[in-house]
C-alpha atoms as a PDB file:
ATOM      1  CA  UNK A   1    -121.733 -54.456 -19.942  1.00  0.00           C
ATOM      2  CA  UNK A   2    -119.542 -54.665 -22.992  1.00  0.00           C
ATOM      3  CA  UNK A   3    -119.310 -56.927 -26.025  1.00  0.00           C
ATOM      4  CA  UNK A   4    -116.293 -59.172 -25.552  1.00  0.00           C
ATOM      5  CA  UNK A   5    -113.290 -58.525 -27.719  1.00  0.00           C
ATOM      6  CA  UNK A   6    -113.031 -60.766 -30.757  1.00  0.00           C
ATOM      7  CA  UNK A   7    -116.726 -61.021 -31.633  1.00  0.00           C
ATOM      8  CA  UNK A   8    -117.751 -59.570 -34.985  1.00  0.00           C
ATOM      9  CA  UNK A   9    -121.167 -58.995 -36.527  1.00  0.00           C
ATOM     10  CA  UNK A  10    -121.420 -60.115 -40.139  1.00  0.00           C
ATOM     11  CA  UNK A  11    -124.242 -60.021 -42.650  1.00  0.00           C
ATOM     12  CA  UNK A  12    -124.410 -63.194 -44.739  1.00  0.00           C
ATOM     13  CA  UNK A  13    -127.096 -63.611 -47.377  1.00  0.00           C
ATOM     14  CA  UNK A  14    -129.389 -61.186 -45.565  1.00  0.00           C
ATOM     15  CA  UNK A  15    -128.877 -62.844 -42.172  1.00  0.00           C
ATOM     16  CA  UNK A  16    -126.960 -61.321 -39.263  1.00  0.00           C
ATOM     17  CA  UNK A  17    -124.426 -63.559 -37.541  1.00  0.00           C
ATOM     18  CA  UNK A  18    -121.949 -63.020 -34.719  1.00  0.00           C
ATOM     19  CA  UNK A  19    -118.742 -64.990 -35.018  1.00  0.00           C
ATOM     20  CA  UNK A  20    -115.614 -65.193 -32.953  1.00  0.00           C
ATOM     21  CA  UNK A  21    -112.427 -63.979 -34.600  1.00  0.00           C
ATOM     22  CA  UNK A  22    -108.847 -63.901 -33.430  1.00  0.00           C
ATOM     23  CA  UNK A  23    -106.978 -65.637 -30.667  1.00  0.00           C
ATOM     24  CA  UNK A  24    -109.332 -64.365 -27.957  1.00  0.00           C
ATOM     25  CA  UNK A  25    -112.118 -66.575 -29.329  1.00  0.00           C
ATOM     26  CA  UNK A  26    -110.152 -69.592 -30.528  1.00  0.00           C
ATOM     27  CA  UNK A  27    -112.488 -71.983 -28.663  1.00  0.00           C
ATOM     28  CA  UNK A  28    -115.707 -70.318 -29.896  1.00  0.00           C
ATOM     29  CA  UNK A  29    -116.873 -72.679 -32.620  1.00  0.00           C
ATOM     30  CA  UNK A  30    -120.349 -71.448 -33.481  1.00  0.00           C
ATOM     31  CA  UNK A  31    -122.279 -68.634 -35.094  1.00  0.00           C
ATOM     32  CA  UNK A  32    -124.959 -66.734 -33.194  1.00  0.00           C
ATOM     33  CA  UNK A  33    -127.817 -65.526 -35.372  1.00  0.00           C
ATOM     34  CA  UNK A  34    -129.323 -62.103 -34.646  1.00  0.00           C
ATOM     35  CA  UNK A  35    -132.527 -60.608 -35.948  1.00  0.00           C
ATOM     36  CA  UNK A  36    -132.444 -57.097 -37.421  1.00  0.00           C
ATOM     37  CA  UNK A  37    -133.295 -55.402 -34.110  1.00  0.00           C
ATOM     38  CA  UNK A  38    -130.589 -57.256 -32.195  1.00  0.00           C
ATOM     39  CA  UNK A  39    -128.080 -56.514 -34.963  1.00  0.00           C
ATOM     40  CA  UNK A  40    -129.013 -52.823 -34.763  1.00  0.00           C
ATOM     41  CA  UNK A  41    -128.367 -52.824 -31.011  1.00  0.00           C
ATOM     42  CA  UNK A  42    -125.058 -54.653 -31.483  1.00  0.00           C
ATOM     43  CA  UNK A  43    -123.918 -52.062 -34.029  1.00  0.00           C
ATOM     44  CA  UNK A  44    -124.888 -49.174 -31.770  1.00  0.00           C
ATOM     45  CA  UNK A  45    -122.970 -50.400 -28.703  1.00  0.00           C
ATOM     46  CA  UNK A  46    -119.990 -52.143 -30.291  1.00  0.00           C
ATOM     47  CA  UNK A  47    -116.704 -51.129 -28.640  1.00  0.00           C
ATOM     48  CA  UNK A  48    -118.324 -49.272 -25.744  1.00  0.00           C
ATOM     49  CA  UNK A  49    -119.797 -49.878 -22.314  1.00  0.00           C
ATOM     50  CA  UNK A  50    -123.588 -50.046 -22.207  1.00  0.00           C
ATOM     51  CA  UNK A  51    -126.460 -50.804 -19.859  1.00  0.00           C
ATOM     52  CA  UNK A  52    -129.841 -52.377 -20.400  1.00  0.00           C
ATOM     53  CA  UNK A  53    -131.286 -48.857 -20.131  1.00  0.00           C
ATOM     54  CA  UNK A  54    -129.108 -47.815 -23.084  1.00  0.00           C
ATOM     55  CA  UNK A  55    -130.471 -50.676 -25.173  1.00  0.00           C
ATOM     56  CA  UNK A  56    -134.068 -49.955 -24.137  1.00  0.00           C
ATOM     57  CA  UNK A  57    -133.711 -46.309 -25.142  1.00  0.00           C
ATOM     58  CA  UNK A  58    -132.257 -47.289 -28.516  1.00  0.00           C
ATOM     59  CA  UNK A  59    -135.214 -49.588 -29.237  1.00  0.00           C
ATOM     60  CA  UNK A  60    -137.783 -47.013 -28.113  1.00  0.00           C
ATOM     61  CA  UNK A  61    -136.245 -44.329 -30.320  1.00  0.00           C
ATOM     62  CA  UNK A  62    -135.815 -46.551 -33.379  1.00  0.00           C
ATOM     63  CA  UNK A  63    -139.089 -48.483 -33.325  1.00  0.00           C
ATOM     64  CA  UNK A  64    -141.401 -46.138 -31.375  1.00  0.00           C
ATOM     65  CA  UNK A  65    -142.491 -48.896 -29.000  1.00  0.00           C
ATOM     66  CA  UNK A  66    -143.420 -48.677 -25.308  1.00  0.00           C
ATOM     67  CA  UNK A  67    -140.483 -48.816 -22.909  1.00  0.00           C
ATOM     68  CA  UNK A  68    -142.052 -51.788 -21.107  1.00  0.00           C
ATOM     69  CA  UNK A  69    -141.995 -53.863 -24.295  1.00  0.00           C
ATOM     70  CA  UNK A  70    -138.447 -52.766 -25.104  1.00  0.00           C
ATOM     71  CA  UNK A  71    -137.358 -53.647 -21.539  1.00  0.00           C
ATOM     72  CA  UNK A  72    -138.716 -57.199 -21.852  1.00  0.00           C
ATOM     73  CA  UNK A  73    -137.014 -57.656 -25.218  1.00  0.00           C
ATOM     74  CA  UNK A  74    -133.699 -56.284 -23.943  1.00  0.00           C
ATOM     75  CA  UNK A  75    -133.746 -58.515 -20.865  1.00  0.00           C
ATOM     76  CA  UNK A  76    -134.312 -61.577 -23.054  1.00  0.00           C
ATOM     77  CA  UNK A  77    -131.602 -60.509 -25.498  1.00  0.00           C
ATOM     78  CA  UNK A  78    -129.039 -59.867 -22.754  1.00  0.00           C
ATOM     79  CA  UNK A  79    -129.749 -63.292 -21.238  1.00  0.00           C
ATOM     80  CA  UNK A  80    -128.946 -64.920 -24.580  1.00  0.00           C
ATOM     81  CA  UNK A  81    -125.833 -62.808 -25.121  1.00  0.00           C
ATOM     82  CA  UNK A  82    -124.575 -63.689 -21.627  1.00  0.00           C
ATOM     83  CA  UNK A  83    -125.420 -67.366 -22.052  1.00  0.00           C
ATOM     84  CA  UNK A  84    -123.508 -67.465 -25.339  1.00  0.00           C
ATOM     85  CA  UNK A  85    -120.558 -65.637 -23.774  1.00  0.00           C
ATOM     86  CA  UNK A  86    -120.793 -62.606 -26.061  1.00  0.00           C
ATOM     87  CA  UNK A  87    -120.862 -59.916 -23.361  1.00  0.00           C
ATOM     88  CA  UNK A  88    -119.151 -59.315 -20.076  1.00  0.00           C
END
């Protein structure tokens, strides 16, 4: 997977938002809110290919949580990112 070109993570008033920028995302007319964990993952994999295993490992290392919990969270997050058209 990879984050689609033209999406940028911004921090606004303590909230993390993904917005479309540039001609690639001219028809993307919304902001997608991310919690701190999702924003951390976004920052770690921006501009590179990644897998769900990559994201799980990042969560396990950062938050010292069981891999099974991280896997469930990553699966849910990737579903949202795909649904919103943020990753390919």
